[in-house]
Amino acid sequence: MKLATLCYLIKDDKVLMVYRNKKENDYHKGKWNGLGGKFESGESPFDCAIREVQEESGLTMINPALKGFITFPKFDGIFDWHVFLFTSTEFTGELTESPEGKLEWIKIEDLNKLNLWEGDKIFIDWIFNKIFFCAKFIYENGKYIRHEVNFQ
């Protein structure tokens, strides 16, 4: 099992996204994603979210809002991934180059035009609603199969 975060920084109706194109053997290569990554030992979801965003963008989130939780059973064909999703409209620092790929501020209404994972195209709208969600997205061999969701 892997624990991870996925974070969406929002500024002027735009979201900071990363086009994953820099790392060798990146399972997400060629896709656009929010920022985030795997927990380190002893981290809370908030600790991980703040650290990952800072490492990937140079920005430090202030008061990130937990928007949802998604389980991706055997997403990479090996591990179940459990992902905490956050948004933040408050952050400090200067945007730096990401070790993951190209960073770009994308208009919220244009997010689904990007090369996202198929499941992301479904849950991306939920992130910007006021309702918390808990979901499971099933993929097989990198292909979206189905999902289940509960809204709180």
N, C-alpha and C. Protein backbone atom coordinates (compact mmCIF):
# COMPACT_ATOMS: atom_id res chain seq x y z
N MET A 1 0.85 -1.18 0.00
CA MET A 1 0.00 0.00 0.00
C MET A 1 0.89 1.23 0.00
N LYS A 2 0.48 2.23 -0.75
CA LYS A 2 1.19 3.51 -0.80
C LYS A 2 0.23 4.62 -0.38
N LEU A 3 0.73 5.53 0.46
CA LEU A 3 -0.02 6.72 0.85
C LEU A 3 0.57 7.92 0.13
N ALA A 4 -0.30 8.77 -0.40
CA ALA A 4 0.19 9.92 -1.18
C ALA A 4 -0.79 11.09 -1.06
N THR A 5 -0.33 12.23 -1.54
CA THR A 5 -1.17 13.43 -1.62
C THR A 5 -1.21 13.91 -3.05
N LEU A 6 -2.25 14.65 -3.36
CA LEU A 6 -2.41 15.30 -4.65
C LEU A 6 -2.98 16.68 -4.35
N CYS A 7 -2.29 17.72 -4.79
CA CYS A 7 -2.61 19.09 -4.36
C CYS A 7 -2.83 20.01 -5.57
N TYR A 8 -3.81 20.88 -5.40
CA TYR A 8 -4.17 21.82 -6.46
C TYR A 8 -4.13 23.23 -5.88
N LEU A 9 -3.13 24.01 -6.29
CA LEU A 9 -3.01 25.40 -5.88
C LEU A 9 -3.83 26.25 -6.83
N ILE A 10 -4.61 27.17 -6.27
CA ILE A 10 -5.54 27.97 -7.07
C ILE A 10 -5.19 29.44 -6.93
N LYS A 11 -5.10 30.13 -8.09
CA LYS A 11 -4.81 31.56 -8.12
C LYS A 11 -5.52 32.17 -9.33
N ASP A 12 -6.37 33.16 -9.08
CA ASP A 12 -7.05 33.88 -10.18
C ASP A 12 -7.76 32.93 -11.15
N ASP A 13 -8.54 32.00 -10.62
CA ASP A 13 -9.29 31.02 -11.43
C ASP A 13 -8.40 30.12 -12.27
N LYS A 14 -7.16 29.96 -11.83
CA LYS A 14 -6.23 29.04 -12.49
C LYS A 14 -5.67 28.08 -11.45
N VAL A 15 -5.26 26.91 -11.92
CA VAL A 15 -4.71 25.87 -11.06
C VAL A 15 -3.30 25.54 -11.52
N LEU A 16 -2.39 25.39 -10.56
CA LEU A 16 -1.02 25.01 -10.89
C LEU A 16 -0.98 23.52 -11.18
N MET A 17 -0.56 23.18 -12.39
CA MET A 17 -0.47 21.78 -12.81
C MET A 17 0.95 21.50 -13.29
N VAL A 18 1.30 20.23 -13.27
CA VAL A 18 2.62 19.82 -13.75
C VAL A 18 2.44 18.83 -14.90
N TYR A 19 3.15 19.10 -15.99
CA TYR A 19 3.19 18.16 -17.11
C TYR A 19 4.38 17.25 -16.86
N ARG A 20 4.11 15.97 -16.58
CA ARG A 20 5.14 15.03 -16.15
C ARG A 20 5.97 14.59 -17.35
N ASN A 21 7.20 15.14 -17.44
CA ASN A 21 8.04 14.82 -18.60
C ASN A 21 9.53 14.75 -18.28
N LYS A 22 9.91 14.72 -16.99
CA LYS A 22 11.34 14.80 -16.67
C LYS A 22 11.96 13.53 -16.10
N LYS A 23 11.19 12.73 -15.40
CA LYS A 23 11.77 11.59 -14.69
C LYS A 23 11.74 10.32 -15.55
N GLU A 24 12.82 9.55 -15.48
CA GLU A 24 12.88 8.26 -16.15
C GLU A 24 11.88 7.31 -15.49
N ASN A 25 11.25 6.46 -16.27
CA ASN A 25 10.33 5.44 -15.76
C ASN A 25 9.21 6.03 -14.90
N ASP A 26 8.74 7.21 -15.25
CA ASP A 26 7.64 7.85 -14.53
C ASP A 26 6.33 7.27 -15.04
N TYR A 27 5.58 6.63 -14.15
CA TYR A 27 4.30 6.01 -14.53
C TYR A 27 3.33 7.06 -15.08
N HIS A 28 3.51 8.32 -14.69
CA HIS A 28 2.63 9.41 -15.11
C HIS A 28 3.18 10.20 -16.30
N LYS A 29 4.27 9.74 -16.89
CA LYS A 29 4.92 10.48 -17.98
C LYS A 29 3.92 10.79 -19.09
N GLY A 30 3.94 12.07 -19.52
CA GLY A 30 3.05 12.51 -20.59
C GLY A 30 1.68 12.96 -20.11
N LYS A 31 1.44 12.88 -18.81
CA LYS A 31 0.15 13.29 -18.22
C LYS A 31 0.33 14.59 -17.45
N TRP A 32 -0.76 15.34 -17.32
CA TRP A 32 -0.83 16.51 -16.46
C TRP A 32 -1.39 16.05 -15.12
N ASN A 33 -0.80 16.54 -14.04
CA ASN A 33 -1.24 16.20 -12.68
C ASN A 33 -1.19 17.43 -11.80
N GLY A 34 -1.88 17.31 -10.66
CA GLY A 34 -1.64 18.24 -9.58
C GLY A 34 -0.30 17.89 -8.97
N LEU A 35 0.12 18.64 -7.98
CA LEU A 35 1.40 18.39 -7.32
C LEU A 35 1.18 17.42 -6.17
N GLY A 36 2.22 16.72 -5.79
CA GLY A 36 2.09 15.82 -4.64
C GLY A 36 3.00 14.61 -4.79
N GLY A 37 2.82 13.69 -3.86
CA GLY A 37 3.63 12.49 -3.88
C GLY A 37 3.47 11.67 -2.63
N LYS A 38 4.39 10.74 -2.44
CA LYS A 38 4.32 9.76 -1.37
C LYS A 38 4.69 10.34 0.00
N PHE A 39 4.03 9.79 1.01
CA PHE A 39 4.33 10.13 2.40
C PHE A 39 5.75 9.68 2.75
N GLU A 40 6.39 10.44 3.61
CA GLU A 40 7.62 10.01 4.25
C GLU A 40 7.27 9.56 5.66
N SER A 41 8.14 8.81 6.27
CA SER A 41 7.90 8.26 7.60
C SER A 41 7.50 9.35 8.58
N GLY A 42 6.42 9.10 9.33
CA GLY A 42 5.98 10.01 10.37
C GLY A 42 5.15 11.19 9.91
N GLU A 43 4.93 11.35 8.61
CA GLU A 43 4.19 12.50 8.10
C GLU A 43 2.68 12.30 8.22
N SER A 44 1.98 13.39 8.49
CA SER A 44 0.53 13.43 8.38
C SER A 44 0.21 13.76 6.92
N PRO A 45 -1.07 13.61 6.52
CA PRO A 45 -1.42 14.04 5.15
C PRO A 45 -1.08 15.52 4.90
N PHE A 46 -1.32 16.39 5.90
CA PHE A 46 -1.01 17.81 5.72
C PHE A 46 0.50 18.03 5.58
N ASP A 47 1.30 17.34 6.42
CA ASP A 47 2.76 17.46 6.33
C ASP A 47 3.24 17.08 4.94
N CYS A 48 2.74 15.95 4.45
CA CYS A 48 3.15 15.45 3.13
C CYS A 48 2.75 16.43 2.03
N ALA A 49 1.52 16.92 2.10
CA ALA A 49 1.05 17.85 1.07
C ALA A 49 1.91 19.11 1.01
N ILE A 50 2.18 19.68 2.16
CA ILE A 50 2.97 20.92 2.22
C ILE A 50 4.39 20.67 1.72
N ARG A 51 5.00 19.58 2.17
CA ARG A 51 6.38 19.26 1.74
C ARG A 51 6.45 18.99 0.24
N GLU A 52 5.54 18.18 -0.27
CA GLU A 52 5.58 17.83 -1.69
C GLU A 52 5.38 19.05 -2.59
N VAL A 53 4.44 19.91 -2.24
CA VAL A 53 4.23 21.13 -3.05
C VAL A 53 5.47 22.00 -3.01
N GLN A 54 6.08 22.14 -1.84
CA GLN A 54 7.28 22.97 -1.73
C GLN A 54 8.42 22.37 -2.56
N GLU A 55 8.60 21.06 -2.49
CA GLU A 55 9.67 20.41 -3.26
C GLU A 55 9.45 20.52 -4.76
N GLU A 56 8.19 20.44 -5.19
CA GLU A 56 7.90 20.41 -6.62
C GLU A 56 7.69 21.79 -7.25
N SER A 57 7.48 22.82 -6.40
CA SER A 57 7.17 24.13 -6.99
C SER A 57 7.88 25.31 -6.35
N GLY A 58 8.45 25.12 -5.15
CA GLY A 58 9.04 26.23 -4.42
C GLY A 58 8.02 27.00 -3.60
N LEU A 59 6.74 26.66 -3.73
CA LEU A 59 5.68 27.35 -3.01
C LEU A 59 5.31 26.61 -1.73
N THR A 60 4.97 27.35 -0.69
CA THR A 60 4.57 26.77 0.59
C THR A 60 3.09 27.05 0.80
N MET A 61 2.30 25.98 0.86
CA MET A 61 0.86 26.13 1.08
C MET A 61 0.59 26.56 2.51
N ILE A 62 -0.43 27.41 2.65
CA ILE A 62 -0.91 27.85 3.96
C ILE A 62 -2.35 27.37 4.06
N ASN A 63 -2.67 26.67 5.15
CA ASN A 63 -4.03 26.18 5.38
C ASN A 63 -4.60 25.38 4.21
N PRO A 64 -3.92 24.33 3.75
CA PRO A 64 -4.51 23.52 2.68
C PRO A 64 -5.83 22.91 3.15
N ALA A 65 -6.79 22.83 2.23
CA ALA A 65 -8.11 22.28 2.52
C ALA A 65 -8.21 20.86 1.98
N LEU A 66 -8.54 19.92 2.86
CA LEU A 66 -8.73 18.53 2.45
C LEU A 66 -10.06 18.42 1.72
N LYS A 67 -10.03 17.99 0.47
CA LYS A 67 -11.23 17.94 -0.37
C LYS A 67 -11.75 16.54 -0.61
N GLY A 68 -10.85 15.55 -0.51
CA GLY A 68 -11.30 14.20 -0.78
C GLY A 68 -10.23 13.18 -0.51
N PHE A 69 -10.65 11.93 -0.63
CA PHE A 69 -9.77 10.78 -0.43
C PHE A 69 -10.12 9.76 -1.50
N ILE A 70 -9.10 9.29 -2.22
CA ILE A 70 -9.33 8.32 -3.30
C ILE A 70 -8.44 7.11 -3.10
N THR A 71 -9.04 5.94 -3.27
CA THR A 71 -8.29 4.68 -3.31
C THR A 71 -8.18 4.25 -4.78
N PHE A 72 -6.96 3.90 -5.17
CA PHE A 72 -6.68 3.39 -6.51
C PHE A 72 -6.13 1.96 -6.33
N PRO A 73 -6.99 0.93 -6.30
CA PRO A 73 -6.48 -0.43 -6.12
C PRO A 73 -5.53 -0.84 -7.24
N LYS A 74 -4.34 -1.27 -6.86
CA LYS A 74 -3.32 -1.76 -7.81
C LYS A 74 -3.17 -0.84 -9.02
N PHE A 75 -3.17 0.48 -8.75
CA PHE A 75 -3.11 1.47 -9.83
C PHE A 75 -1.92 1.24 -10.75
N ASP A 76 -0.76 0.98 -10.16
CA ASP A 76 0.45 0.75 -10.95
C ASP A 76 0.66 -0.73 -11.26
N GLY A 77 -0.37 -1.54 -10.99
CA GLY A 77 -0.27 -2.97 -11.21
C GLY A 77 0.36 -3.71 -10.04
N ILE A 78 0.80 -2.97 -9.03
CA ILE A 78 1.49 -3.57 -7.89
C ILE A 78 0.83 -3.17 -6.57
N PHE A 79 0.72 -1.86 -6.35
CA PHE A 79 0.28 -1.35 -5.05
C PHE A 79 -1.10 -0.71 -5.12
N ASP A 80 -1.81 -0.81 -3.99
CA ASP A 80 -2.99 0.03 -3.78
C ASP A 80 -2.47 1.40 -3.37
N TRP A 81 -2.97 2.44 -3.99
CA TRP A 81 -2.60 3.82 -3.65
C TRP A 81 -3.78 4.47 -2.95
N HIS A 82 -3.51 5.12 -1.83
CA HIS A 82 -4.51 5.86 -1.08
C HIS A 82 -4.07 7.32 -1.09
N VAL A 83 -4.89 8.19 -1.69
CA VAL A 83 -4.47 9.55 -2.00
C VAL A 83 -5.41 10.56 -1.33
N PHE A 84 -4.80 11.48 -0.58
CA PHE A 84 -5.50 12.59 0.05
C PHE A 84 -5.41 13.79 -0.90
N LEU A 85 -6.56 14.39 -1.24
CA LEU A 85 -6.59 15.51 -2.19
C LEU A 85 -6.82 16.82 -1.47
N PHE A 86 -6.00 17.80 -1.80
CA PHE A 86 -6.04 19.12 -1.16
C PHE A 86 -6.13 20.22 -2.19
N THR A 87 -6.70 21.36 -1.77
CA THR A 87 -6.60 22.60 -2.52
C THR A 87 -6.02 23.66 -1.59
N SER A 88 -5.47 24.70 -2.19
CA SER A 88 -4.99 25.83 -1.40
C SER A 88 -5.04 27.08 -2.25
N THR A 89 -5.60 28.13 -1.67
CA THR A 89 -5.60 29.44 -2.33
C THR A 89 -4.59 30.37 -1.66
N GLU A 90 -3.98 29.88 -0.58
CA GLU A 90 -2.98 30.67 0.15
C GLU A 90 -1.64 29.94 0.10
N PHE A 91 -0.63 30.66 -0.37
CA PHE A 91 0.72 30.09 -0.41
C PHE A 91 1.72 31.22 -0.52
N THR A 92 2.94 30.93 -0.15
CA THR A 92 4.02 31.91 -0.21
C THR A 92 5.17 31.32 -1.01
N GLY A 93 6.13 32.18 -1.34
CA GLY A 93 7.33 31.72 -2.04
C GLY A 93 7.31 32.10 -3.50
N GLU A 94 8.36 31.72 -4.17
CA GLU A 94 8.53 31.98 -5.60
C GLU A 94 8.48 30.65 -6.35
N LEU A 95 7.74 30.64 -7.44
CA LEU A 95 7.64 29.44 -8.27
C LEU A 95 9.01 29.11 -8.84
N THR A 96 9.41 27.85 -8.66
CA THR A 96 10.70 27.37 -9.18
C THR A 96 10.46 26.28 -10.21
N GLU A 97 11.52 25.83 -10.83
CA GLU A 97 11.41 24.72 -11.78
C GLU A 97 11.16 23.43 -11.02
N SER A 98 10.29 22.60 -11.54
CA SER A 98 9.95 21.35 -10.88
C SER A 98 10.83 20.20 -11.37
N PRO A 99 11.25 19.32 -10.45
CA PRO A 99 11.99 18.13 -10.88
C PRO A 99 11.09 17.11 -11.57
N GLU A 100 9.76 17.30 -11.50
CA GLU A 100 8.81 16.36 -12.08
C GLU A 100 8.48 16.67 -13.54
N GLY A 101 8.48 17.98 -13.89
CA GLY A 101 8.09 18.36 -15.24
C GLY A 101 7.81 19.85 -15.32
N LYS A 102 7.10 20.23 -16.37
CA LYS A 102 6.80 21.64 -16.64
C LYS A 102 5.59 22.08 -15.81
N LEU A 103 5.77 23.16 -15.03
CA LEU A 103 4.68 23.74 -14.25
C LEU A 103 3.97 24.81 -15.07
N GLU A 104 2.63 24.83 -14.95
CA GLU A 104 1.87 25.84 -15.68
C GLU A 104 0.56 26.12 -14.95
N TRP A 105 0.17 27.41 -14.92
CA TRP A 105 -1.12 27.80 -14.37
C TRP A 105 -2.15 27.61 -15.47
N ILE A 106 -3.15 26.75 -15.22
CA ILE A 106 -4.16 26.40 -16.21
C ILE A 106 -5.53 26.89 -15.71
N LYS A 107 -6.31 27.50 -16.59
CA LYS A 107 -7.66 27.93 -16.22
C LYS A 107 -8.47 26.70 -15.78
N ILE A 108 -9.23 26.87 -14.70
CA ILE A 108 -10.02 25.75 -14.17
C ILE A 108 -10.90 25.15 -15.25
N GLU A 109 -11.55 25.99 -16.06
CA GLU A 109 -12.45 25.46 -17.10
C GLU A 109 -11.71 24.72 -18.22
N ASP A 110 -10.38 24.86 -18.28
CA ASP A 110 -9.60 24.18 -19.32
C ASP A 110 -8.93 22.89 -18.83
N LEU A 111 -9.09 22.55 -17.57
CA LEU A 111 -8.39 21.38 -17.03
C LEU A 111 -8.73 20.09 -17.77
N ASN A 112 -9.99 19.89 -18.10
CA ASN A 112 -10.38 18.65 -18.78
C ASN A 112 -9.94 18.59 -20.24
N LYS A 113 -9.36 19.66 -20.74
CA LYS A 113 -8.80 19.64 -22.10
C LYS A 113 -7.38 19.07 -22.10
N LEU A 114 -6.78 18.95 -20.91
CA LEU A 114 -5.42 18.45 -20.79
C LEU A 114 -5.38 16.93 -20.91
N ASN A 115 -4.19 16.40 -21.13
CA ASN A 115 -4.00 14.95 -21.14
C ASN A 115 -3.91 14.47 -19.69
N LEU A 116 -5.09 14.26 -19.08
CA LEU A 116 -5.20 13.78 -17.71
C LEU A 116 -5.49 12.28 -17.74
N TRP A 117 -5.27 11.63 -16.61
CA TRP A 117 -5.78 10.27 -16.44
C TRP A 117 -7.30 10.35 -16.59
N GLU A 118 -7.92 9.32 -17.13
CA GLU A 118 -9.37 9.33 -17.35
C GLU A 118 -10.14 9.57 -16.05
N GLY A 119 -9.70 8.95 -14.96
CA GLY A 119 -10.36 9.16 -13.67
C GLY A 119 -10.24 10.59 -13.19
N ASP A 120 -9.11 11.23 -13.45
CA ASP A 120 -8.91 12.62 -13.06
C ASP A 120 -9.96 13.52 -13.72
N LYS A 121 -10.33 13.20 -14.96
CA LYS A 121 -11.33 13.99 -15.66
C LYS A 121 -12.69 13.91 -14.97
N ILE A 122 -12.89 12.84 -14.21
CA ILE A 122 -14.14 12.69 -13.45
C ILE A 122 -14.06 13.44 -12.13
N PHE A 123 -12.98 13.22 -11.35
CA PHE A 123 -12.95 13.80 -10.01
C PHE A 123 -12.45 15.25 -9.97
N ILE A 124 -11.87 15.74 -11.03
CA ILE A 124 -11.31 17.10 -11.00
C ILE A 124 -12.39 18.14 -10.67
N ASP A 125 -13.60 17.94 -11.16
CA ASP A 125 -14.68 18.88 -10.86
C ASP A 125 -15.09 18.81 -9.39
N TRP A 126 -15.02 17.64 -8.79
CA TRP A 126 -15.41 17.49 -7.38
C TRP A 126 -14.50 18.29 -6.46
N ILE A 127 -13.24 18.43 -6.85
CA ILE A 127 -12.25 19.12 -6.01
C ILE A 127 -12.64 20.57 -5.75
N PHE A 128 -13.30 21.19 -6.72
CA PHE A 128 -13.63 22.60 -6.60
C PHE A 128 -15.02 22.84 -6.03
N ASN A 129 -15.72 21.76 -5.66
CA ASN A 129 -17.01 21.88 -4.96
C ASN A 129 -16.76 21.92 -3.47
N LYS A 130 -17.74 22.33 -2.72
CA LYS A 130 -17.61 22.45 -1.27
C LYS A 130 -17.81 21.11 -0.56
N ILE A 131 -18.20 20.06 -1.29
CA ILE A 131 -18.52 18.78 -0.68
C ILE A 131 -17.29 17.88 -0.64
N PHE A 132 -17.06 17.26 0.52
CA PHE A 132 -15.97 16.29 0.66
C PHE A 132 -16.41 14.98 -0.01
N PHE A 133 -15.46 14.30 -0.64
CA PHE A 133 -15.79 13.02 -1.27
C PHE A 133 -14.77 11.95 -0.91
N CYS A 134 -15.25 10.72 -0.98
CA CYS A 134 -14.43 9.55 -0.76
C CYS A 134 -14.73 8.61 -1.93
N ALA A 135 -13.70 8.20 -2.67
CA ALA A 135 -13.94 7.45 -3.90
C ALA A 135 -12.93 6.32 -4.08
N LYS A 136 -13.30 5.44 -5.00
CA LYS A 136 -12.40 4.38 -5.44
C LYS A 136 -12.43 4.38 -6.96
N PHE A 137 -11.25 4.45 -7.58
CA PHE A 137 -11.12 4.42 -9.03
C PHE A 137 -10.35 3.17 -9.43
N ILE A 138 -10.96 2.37 -10.28
CA ILE A 138 -10.37 1.11 -10.72
C ILE A 138 -9.73 1.31 -12.11
N TYR A 139 -8.46 0.94 -12.19
CA TYR A 139 -7.73 0.92 -13.45
C TYR A 139 -7.16 -0.49 -13.65
N GLU A 140 -7.04 -0.89 -14.91
CA GLU A 140 -6.35 -2.14 -15.25
C GLU A 140 -5.40 -1.83 -16.40
N ASN A 141 -4.13 -2.13 -16.19
CA ASN A 141 -3.10 -1.86 -17.21
C ASN A 141 -3.14 -0.41 -17.68
N GLY A 142 -3.30 0.53 -16.74
CA GLY A 142 -3.29 1.95 -17.05
C GLY A 142 -4.57 2.46 -17.69
N LYS A 143 -5.61 1.62 -17.79
CA LYS A 143 -6.87 2.02 -18.43
C LYS A 143 -7.97 2.10 -17.37
N TYR A 144 -8.69 3.23 -17.37
CA TYR A 144 -9.80 3.44 -16.46
C TYR A 144 -10.90 2.41 -16.73
N ILE A 145 -11.40 1.78 -15.65
CA ILE A 145 -12.47 0.80 -15.76
C ILE A 145 -13.77 1.36 -15.19
N ARG A 146 -13.74 1.81 -13.92
CA ARG A 146 -14.95 2.32 -13.29
C ARG A 146 -14.57 3.02 -11.98
N HIS A 147 -15.58 3.65 -11.36
CA HIS A 147 -15.34 4.26 -10.05
C HIS A 147 -16.59 4.17 -9.19
N GLU A 148 -16.39 4.35 -7.90
CA GLU A 148 -17.45 4.45 -6.91
C GLU A 148 -17.16 5.70 -6.10
N VAL A 149 -18.21 6.42 -5.66
CA VAL A 149 -17.97 7.63 -4.88
C VAL A 149 -19.07 7.85 -3.86
N ASN A 150 -18.67 8.42 -2.73
CA ASN A 150 -19.60 8.87 -1.69
C ASN A 150 -19.28 10.33 -1.43
N PHE A 151 -20.32 11.16 -1.43
CA PHE A 151 -20.16 12.57 -1.12
C PHE A 151 -20.66 12.82 0.29
N GLN A 152 -19.94 13.64 1.04
CA GLN A 152 -20.32 13.93 2.43
C GLN A 152 -21.01 15.27 2.53
